[in-house]
N, C-alpha and C. Protein backbone atom coordinates (compact mmCIF):
# COMPACT_ATOMS: atom_id res chain seq x y z
N MET A 1 37.97 49.95 98.21
CA MET A 1 38.52 51.17 97.81
C MET A 1 37.74 52.37 98.71
N GLU A 2 36.31 52.38 98.66
CA GLU A 2 35.38 53.56 99.39
C GLU A 2 35.40 53.49 100.99
N TYR A 3 36.44 51.76 101.84
CA TYR A 3 36.23 52.16 102.86
C TYR A 3 37.85 52.93 103.10
N LEU A 4 38.98 52.61 102.20
CA LEU A 4 40.50 53.16 101.92
C LEU A 4 39.95 55.05 101.87
N ASP A 5 39.04 55.47 101.33
CA ASP A 5 38.94 56.83 101.13
C ASP A 5 38.02 57.56 102.45
N ALA A 6 37.42 56.49 103.18
CA ALA A 6 37.03 57.27 104.25
C ALA A 6 37.20 57.40 105.17
N PHE A 7 38.93 56.25 105.55
CA PHE A 7 39.71 56.16 106.29
C PHE A 7 40.37 57.19 105.78
N LEU A 8 40.84 57.76 105.12
CA LEU A 8 42.06 58.45 104.51
C LEU A 8 41.18 60.10 105.08
N VAL A 9 39.79 60.25 104.27
CA VAL A 9 39.30 61.26 104.76
C VAL A 9 39.08 61.35 106.64
N SER A 10 38.78 60.68 107.09
CA SER A 10 38.89 60.29 108.85
C SER A 10 39.96 61.30 109.29
N LEU A 11 41.07 60.62 108.60
CA LEU A 11 42.63 60.98 109.08
C LEU A 11 42.61 62.52 108.96
N VAL A 12 42.29 62.81 107.73
CA VAL A 12 42.66 64.62 107.36
C VAL A 12 41.77 65.43 108.28
N LEU A 13 40.40 64.72 108.75
CA LEU A 13 39.77 65.34 109.14
C LEU A 13 39.93 65.42 111.19
N ILE A 14 41.27 64.53 111.58
CA ILE A 14 41.66 64.10 112.90
C ILE A 14 42.59 65.36 112.71
N PHE A 15 43.41 65.29 111.42
CA PHE A 15 44.90 66.30 111.49
C PHE A 15 43.80 67.46 111.79
N ILE A 16 42.82 68.04 111.08
CA ILE A 16 42.12 69.42 111.00
C ILE A 16 41.88 69.92 112.49
N ILE A 17 41.35 68.64 113.30
CA ILE A 17 40.66 69.35 114.01
C ILE A 17 41.92 68.91 115.82
N ALA A 18 42.97 68.28 115.24
CA ALA A 18 44.30 67.87 116.26
C ALA A 18 44.73 69.53 116.18
N SER A 19 44.81 70.14 114.79
CA SER A 19 46.04 71.25 113.94
C SER A 19 45.19 72.30 114.82
N LEU A 20 43.79 72.72 114.33
CA LEU A 20 43.28 73.98 115.16
C LEU A 20 43.32 73.59 117.14
N TYR A 21 43.14 72.42 117.29
CA TYR A 21 42.83 72.44 118.86
C TYR A 21 44.15 72.82 118.91
N LEU A 22 45.43 72.04 119.09
CA LEU A 22 46.57 72.51 119.13
C LEU A 22 47.21 73.52 118.99
N GLU A 23 46.95 74.07 117.88
CA GLU A 23 47.65 75.25 117.03
C GLU A 23 48.69 75.12 116.72
N TRP A 24 49.07 73.84 115.99
CA TRP A 24 50.46 73.47 115.12
C TRP A 24 50.96 74.35 114.02
N VAL A 25 49.97 74.43 113.41
CA VAL A 25 50.01 76.12 112.99
C VAL A 25 48.55 76.66 112.50
N GLY A 26 48.71 77.27 111.26
CA GLY A 26 47.60 78.57 111.66
C GLY A 26 46.38 77.98 110.72
N PRO A 27 45.24 78.26 111.09
CA PRO A 27 44.06 77.44 110.02
C PRO A 27 44.19 77.69 108.95
N GLY A 28 44.62 79.00 108.24
CA GLY A 28 44.77 78.75 107.12
C GLY A 28 45.98 77.77 106.14
N LEU A 29 46.41 77.58 106.75
CA LEU A 29 47.62 76.66 106.77
C LEU A 29 47.29 74.95 107.00
N THR A 30 46.28 75.02 107.90
CA THR A 30 45.86 73.61 108.57
C THR A 30 44.91 73.24 106.91
N PHE A 31 44.24 74.16 106.77
CA PHE A 31 43.08 73.72 105.61
C PHE A 31 43.57 73.22 104.08
N GLY A 32 44.83 74.47 103.57
CA GLY A 32 45.75 74.66 102.71
C GLY A 32 46.56 72.70 102.64
N ILE A 33 46.63 72.10 104.19
CA ILE A 33 47.54 70.91 103.68
C ILE A 33 46.56 70.18 103.53
N SER A 34 45.25 70.46 104.41
CA SER A 34 44.36 69.11 104.53
C SER A 34 43.89 69.24 102.48
N VAL A 35 43.74 69.91 101.99
CA VAL A 35 42.92 70.31 100.65
C VAL A 35 43.85 69.30 100.22
N ILE A 36 45.54 70.06 100.15
CA ILE A 36 46.70 69.38 99.65
C ILE A 36 46.64 67.58 99.51
N MET A 37 46.44 67.37 100.31
CA MET A 37 46.45 65.97 100.64
C MET A 37 45.34 65.32 100.60
N LEU A 38 44.07 66.11 100.65
CA LEU A 38 43.23 65.00 99.73
C LEU A 38 43.20 65.05 98.00
N GLY A 39 43.78 66.27 97.75
CA GLY A 39 44.85 66.25 96.06
C GLY A 39 45.07 64.90 95.75
N VAL A 40 46.29 64.87 96.83
CA VAL A 40 47.63 63.77 96.69
C VAL A 40 47.27 62.38 96.69
N LEU A 41 45.87 62.10 97.72
CA LEU A 41 45.59 60.89 97.90
C LEU A 41 44.46 60.59 96.92
N GLY A 42 43.98 61.56 95.92
CA GLY A 42 43.29 60.98 95.06
C GLY A 42 41.50 61.23 95.01
N ILE A 43 41.38 61.74 96.73
CA ILE A 43 40.10 61.66 96.73
C ILE A 43 39.38 62.76 96.16
N LEU A 44 40.03 63.68 96.05
CA LEU A 44 39.64 65.66 95.22
C LEU A 44 40.53 65.45 94.18
N THR A 45 40.02 65.44 92.84
CA THR A 45 40.01 65.64 91.56
C THR A 45 40.32 67.50 91.44
N PRO A 46 42.10 68.07 90.96
CA PRO A 46 41.92 69.25 90.50
C PRO A 46 41.21 70.26 90.36
N VAL A 47 40.18 69.76 89.49
CA VAL A 47 38.70 70.52 88.99
C VAL A 47 37.63 71.03 90.83
N GLU A 48 37.82 69.72 90.88
CA GLU A 48 37.29 70.28 92.73
C GLU A 48 37.60 70.95 93.43
N ILE A 49 39.19 70.99 93.31
CA ILE A 49 40.05 71.75 94.29
C ILE A 49 40.15 73.06 93.43
N LEU A 50 40.07 73.45 92.68
CA LEU A 50 39.84 74.47 92.32
C LEU A 50 38.58 75.24 91.82
N ALA A 51 37.85 74.30 91.86
CA ALA A 51 36.10 74.79 92.30
C ALA A 51 35.88 75.61 94.12
N GLY A 52 36.26 74.86 94.56
CA GLY A 52 36.53 74.87 96.14
C GLY A 52 36.95 76.66 96.34
N PHE A 53 38.32 77.06 95.32
CA PHE A 53 38.55 78.40 95.58
C PHE A 53 38.25 79.03 94.74
N ALA A 54 37.25 78.99 93.89
CA ALA A 54 36.13 79.60 92.84
C ALA A 54 34.85 80.04 93.54
N ASN A 55 34.85 79.40 94.65
CA ASN A 55 33.50 79.90 95.24
C ASN A 55 33.49 81.35 95.54
N GLU A 56 32.16 81.91 95.15
CA GLU A 56 32.59 83.57 95.72
C GLU A 56 32.46 83.67 96.95
N GLN A 57 31.47 82.59 97.54
CA GLN A 57 31.03 82.97 99.08
C GLN A 57 32.45 82.95 99.82
N ILE A 58 33.18 82.19 98.92
CA ILE A 58 34.21 81.97 100.09
C ILE A 58 35.54 83.30 99.84
N ALA A 59 35.32 83.83 99.04
CA ALA A 59 36.00 84.65 98.50
C ALA A 59 35.59 86.61 99.34
N VAL A 60 34.20 86.25 99.57
CA VAL A 60 33.53 87.14 100.06
C VAL A 60 34.00 87.31 101.60
N ILE A 61 33.99 86.24 102.37
CA ILE A 61 34.20 85.72 103.66
C ILE A 61 35.56 86.31 103.61
N VAL A 62 36.68 85.92 103.09
CA VAL A 62 38.12 86.15 102.60
C VAL A 62 38.24 87.34 103.36
N LEU A 63 37.37 88.21 102.10
CA LEU A 63 37.89 89.74 102.62
C LEU A 63 37.08 90.55 103.27
N LEU A 64 36.01 90.08 104.05
CA LEU A 64 35.54 90.73 105.17
C LEU A 64 36.15 90.24 106.34
N LEU A 65 37.01 89.22 106.18
CA LEU A 65 37.88 88.77 107.41
C LEU A 65 38.97 90.30 107.15
N MET A 66 39.88 90.09 106.12
CA MET A 66 40.77 91.46 105.69
C MET A 66 40.11 92.34 106.28
N ILE A 67 39.75 92.83 105.65
CA ILE A 67 39.07 94.07 106.30
C ILE A 67 38.62 94.33 107.57
N GLY A 68 38.01 93.23 108.20
CA GLY A 68 37.94 93.14 110.17
C GLY A 68 39.39 93.62 111.03
N ASP A 69 40.29 92.61 109.89
CA ASP A 69 42.13 93.00 110.29
C ASP A 69 42.65 93.68 109.92
N VAL A 70 42.44 94.46 108.91
CA VAL A 70 42.76 95.81 108.58
C VAL A 70 42.03 96.75 109.40
N THR A 71 40.95 96.87 110.09
CA THR A 71 39.80 97.70 110.81
C THR A 71 40.53 97.12 111.93
N ARG A 72 41.40 96.05 112.69
CA ARG A 72 41.74 96.28 113.61
C ARG A 72 42.77 96.75 114.35
N LYS A 73 43.82 95.93 113.00
CA LYS A 73 45.39 96.75 113.06
C LYS A 73 45.61 98.03 113.21
N SER A 74 44.11 98.55 112.44
CA SER A 74 44.50 100.13 112.21
C SER A 74 44.35 101.29 113.63
N GLY A 75 43.64 100.11 114.51
CA GLY A 75 43.51 101.11 115.64
C GLY A 75 42.56 102.05 115.49
N ILE A 76 41.27 102.20 114.77
CA ILE A 76 40.01 103.02 114.22
C ILE A 76 39.42 102.58 115.25
N LEU A 77 38.89 101.32 115.23
CA LEU A 77 38.03 101.42 116.30
C LEU A 77 38.05 100.78 118.15
N ASP A 78 39.53 100.86 117.96
CA ASP A 78 40.36 100.69 119.43
C ASP A 78 39.79 101.95 120.87
N ASN A 79 39.90 102.85 120.53
CA ASN A 79 39.78 104.19 121.48
C ASN A 79 37.95 103.83 121.86
N PHE A 80 37.17 103.45 121.04
CA PHE A 80 36.11 103.21 120.98
C PHE A 80 35.65 101.89 121.92
N PHE A 81 36.13 100.92 121.69
CA PHE A 81 35.99 99.91 122.24
C PHE A 81 36.37 99.52 123.35
N GLU A 82 37.53 100.50 123.77
CA GLU A 82 38.39 100.25 125.45
C GLU A 82 37.37 101.48 125.85
N LYS A 83 36.80 102.07 125.85
CA LYS A 83 35.40 102.99 126.50
C LYS A 83 34.95 102.34 127.21
N ILE A 84 34.43 102.00 125.90
CA ILE A 84 33.12 100.39 126.07
C ILE A 84 33.96 99.15 127.04
N PHE A 85 34.62 98.74 127.20
CA PHE A 85 34.91 97.40 127.67
C PHE A 85 35.56 97.76 129.49
N LEU A 86 36.90 98.59 128.96
CA LEU A 86 37.36 98.98 129.56
C LEU A 86 36.81 98.69 131.52
N SER A 87 35.95 99.78 131.25
CA SER A 87 35.13 99.80 132.65
C SER A 87 34.24 98.40 133.35
N ALA A 88 34.37 97.65 132.48
CA ALA A 88 33.34 96.65 132.89
C ALA A 88 34.52 95.69 133.72
N LYS A 89 33.82 95.61 135.69
CA LYS A 89 34.70 94.98 136.04
C LYS A 89 33.91 93.32 136.44
N THR A 90 32.86 93.03 136.35
CA THR A 90 32.48 92.02 136.21
C THR A 90 31.85 91.58 135.17
N TYR A 91 31.67 89.82 135.12
CA TYR A 91 31.59 89.17 133.72
C TYR A 91 30.11 89.56 133.48
N ARG A 92 29.21 89.66 134.36
CA ARG A 92 27.53 90.17 133.70
C ARG A 92 28.00 91.33 132.93
N SER A 93 28.54 92.77 133.31
CA SER A 93 29.16 93.77 133.04
C SER A 93 29.41 93.86 131.27
N PHE A 94 30.66 92.85 131.40
CA PHE A 94 31.21 92.57 130.39
C PHE A 94 30.13 92.15 129.25
N LEU A 95 29.83 91.05 129.27
CA LEU A 95 28.61 90.49 128.76
C LEU A 95 27.54 91.36 128.33
N SER A 96 27.05 91.68 129.19
CA SER A 96 25.86 92.62 128.78
C SER A 96 26.63 93.32 127.74
N ARG A 97 27.36 94.44 128.25
CA ARG A 97 28.43 95.62 126.66
C ARG A 97 28.23 94.85 125.49
N LEU A 98 28.91 93.99 125.56
CA LEU A 98 29.12 92.94 124.42
C LEU A 98 28.28 92.90 123.51
N ILE A 99 26.91 92.44 124.14
CA ILE A 99 25.61 91.73 123.67
C ILE A 99 25.79 93.49 123.02
N LEU A 100 25.53 94.20 123.95
CA LEU A 100 24.60 95.33 122.68
C LEU A 100 25.08 95.82 121.98
N THR A 101 26.70 95.91 122.02
CA THR A 101 27.65 96.62 121.06
C THR A 101 27.41 95.65 119.46
N VAL A 102 27.73 93.89 119.89
CA VAL A 102 27.30 93.66 118.97
C VAL A 102 26.11 93.30 118.24
N ALA A 103 25.28 93.31 119.18
CA ALA A 103 23.86 93.71 118.36
C ALA A 103 23.25 94.72 117.78
N GLY A 104 24.21 96.10 118.11
CA GLY A 104 24.04 97.27 117.63
C GLY A 104 24.82 97.08 115.94
N PHE A 105 26.07 96.87 115.94
CA PHE A 105 26.65 96.32 114.37
C PHE A 105 26.10 95.97 114.05
N SER A 106 25.77 94.08 114.40
CA SER A 106 25.14 93.19 113.40
C SER A 106 23.87 94.02 113.11
N ALA A 107 22.90 94.74 113.56
CA ALA A 107 22.10 95.25 112.58
C ALA A 107 22.34 95.26 110.48
N PHE A 108 23.86 96.18 111.39
CA PHE A 108 24.27 96.77 109.84
C PHE A 108 25.75 96.48 108.81
N LEU A 109 25.98 95.43 109.79
CA LEU A 109 27.57 95.08 109.49
C LEU A 109 27.14 93.31 109.07
N ASN A 110 27.91 92.62 108.68
CA ASN A 110 28.38 91.20 108.69
C ASN A 110 28.62 91.04 109.23
N ASN A 111 28.42 89.76 110.59
CA ASN A 111 28.89 88.74 111.26
C ASN A 111 30.18 88.41 111.32
N THR A 112 30.79 88.11 110.34
CA THR A 112 31.91 87.46 110.31
C THR A 112 33.43 88.43 110.36
N PRO A 113 33.49 89.71 109.67
CA PRO A 113 34.57 90.63 110.50
C PRO A 113 33.94 91.30 111.53
N LEU A 114 32.68 91.33 111.73
CA LEU A 114 32.85 92.01 113.33
C LEU A 114 32.76 90.85 114.56
N VAL A 115 32.59 89.72 114.09
CA VAL A 115 33.60 88.62 115.04
C VAL A 115 34.48 88.34 115.31
N ALA A 116 35.88 88.73 113.67
CA ALA A 116 36.95 89.19 114.00
C ALA A 116 37.91 90.47 114.53
N ILE A 117 36.85 91.22 114.15
CA ILE A 117 37.07 92.33 115.45
C ILE A 117 36.92 92.14 116.80
N MET A 118 36.00 91.66 117.22
CA MET A 118 35.69 91.73 118.37
C MET A 118 36.58 90.42 119.48
N MET A 119 36.97 89.55 118.66
CA MET A 119 37.82 88.57 119.63
C MET A 119 38.74 88.95 120.45
N PRO A 120 39.69 90.17 119.99
CA PRO A 120 40.98 90.38 120.71
C PRO A 120 40.08 91.11 121.82
N PHE A 121 39.20 92.13 121.87
CA PHE A 121 39.09 92.94 122.95
C PHE A 121 38.05 91.59 123.45
N THR A 122 37.61 90.70 123.73
CA THR A 122 36.80 90.03 124.49
C THR A 122 38.34 88.61 125.09
N TYR A 123 39.15 88.42 124.42
CA TYR A 123 40.06 87.69 125.15
C TYR A 123 41.24 88.32 125.79
N SER A 124 41.16 89.69 125.21
CA SER A 124 42.02 90.20 126.32
C SER A 124 41.78 91.03 127.52
N TRP A 125 40.20 90.38 127.40
CA TRP A 125 39.35 91.09 128.72
C TRP A 125 39.20 89.52 130.03
N GLY A 126 38.85 88.69 128.80
CA GLY A 126 39.21 87.22 129.61
C GLY A 126 40.54 87.04 130.72
N LYS A 127 41.25 87.72 129.90
CA LYS A 127 42.49 87.78 130.55
C LYS A 127 42.54 88.37 132.36
């Protein structure tokens, strides 16, 4: 029975890795499906599943990501970051500006929403 549980957990982990890498569905849905599958298979009990959702650190990270997303979508920081990053023509120039900006903000902000805010600028510059 232990080997079957280990095999099933391995399959769920393979699904998570494949889904995140191939972008089959969003990350939230990927992890939701995984938790539901582990619950249906009897590997996680309902109490364990609910305890995972009740973890206050998870709630704080979700709220911080939501704040970062709202900040990014509202365009509050767009002009500021565009002035910093648009004039960067080389990889070294962009990276040095990114390091200085993130280090400065990181001294006062949580890193999780900072990463969420900075990803679109890094992605668009990389294109």
